[in-house]
């Protein structure tokens, strides 16, 4: 993929418990305080990648 290409994105709705939402907010706030600009979608995608590595790639 070239630098100028923007990856395709899918829009989705995520249903989560209030506890999970609070945890996501805590991570979001921590990163903002550390001057790591991010958004919640990026955090969720990072979580999916980490879970994929744990569940799928580690089994190969």
Protein backbone atom coordinates (compact mmCIF):
# COMPACT_ATOMS: atom_id res chain seq x y z
CA UNK A 1 0.00 0.00 0.00
CA UNK A 2 1.38 3.41 -0.93
CA UNK A 3 1.57 6.20 1.63
CA UNK A 4 -1.07 8.25 -0.18
CA UNK A 5 -3.62 5.42 -0.10
CA UNK A 6 -6.19 5.52 2.68
CA UNK A 7 -7.21 2.10 3.99
CA UNK A 8 -10.89 1.27 3.66
CA UNK A 9 -12.82 1.49 6.89
CA UNK A 10 -16.03 -0.18 8.00
CA UNK A 11 -18.51 1.49 10.29
CA UNK A 12 -19.87 -0.65 13.08
CA UNK A 13 -21.86 -0.37 16.27
CA UNK A 14 -20.32 -1.76 19.43
CA UNK A 15 -22.44 -2.73 22.41
CA UNK A 16 -20.47 -2.83 25.64
CA UNK A 17 -21.11 -2.79 29.34
CA UNK A 18 -20.76 0.43 31.27
CA UNK A 19 -17.65 -1.01 32.94
CA UNK A 20 -16.01 -1.68 29.58
CA UNK A 21 -16.95 1.79 28.37
CA UNK A 22 -15.39 3.32 31.49
CA UNK A 23 -12.22 1.29 30.90
CA UNK A 24 -12.05 2.51 27.32
CA UNK A 25 -12.48 6.09 28.54
CA UNK A 26 -9.69 5.62 31.10
CA UNK A 27 -7.29 4.43 28.40
CA UNK A 28 -8.37 7.30 26.13
CA UNK A 29 -7.78 9.89 28.89
CA UNK A 30 -4.43 8.36 29.86
CA UNK A 31 -3.19 8.59 26.29
CA UNK A 32 -4.37 12.19 25.99
CA UNK A 33 -2.49 13.06 29.19
CA UNK A 34 0.63 11.44 27.73
CA UNK A 35 0.17 13.57 24.60
CA UNK A 36 -0.68 10.51 22.49
CA UNK A 37 -3.55 11.83 20.43
CA UNK A 38 -5.93 9.00 19.60
CA UNK A 39 -9.61 8.24 19.24
CA UNK A 40 -11.84 5.51 20.58
CA UNK A 41 -12.04 3.74 17.23
CA UNK A 42 -8.27 3.45 17.15
CA UNK A 43 -8.26 1.99 20.67
CA UNK A 44 -10.89 -0.59 19.74
CA UNK A 45 -8.95 -1.56 16.60
CA UNK A 46 -5.77 -1.92 18.66
CA UNK A 47 -7.64 -4.18 21.08
CA UNK A 48 -8.92 -6.33 18.23
CA UNK A 49 -5.39 -6.69 16.80
CA UNK A 50 -4.00 -7.68 20.21
CA UNK A 51 -6.78 -10.22 20.75
CA UNK A 52 -6.21 -11.61 17.25
CA UNK A 53 -2.50 -12.05 17.98
CA UNK A 54 -3.32 -13.82 21.23
CA UNK A 55 -6.10 -16.08 19.91
CA UNK A 56 -5.10 -16.81 16.31
CA UNK A 57 -1.46 -16.06 15.58
CA UNK A 58 -0.19 -17.73 18.74
CA UNK A 59 -1.88 -21.01 17.70
CA UNK A 60 -0.10 -21.15 14.32
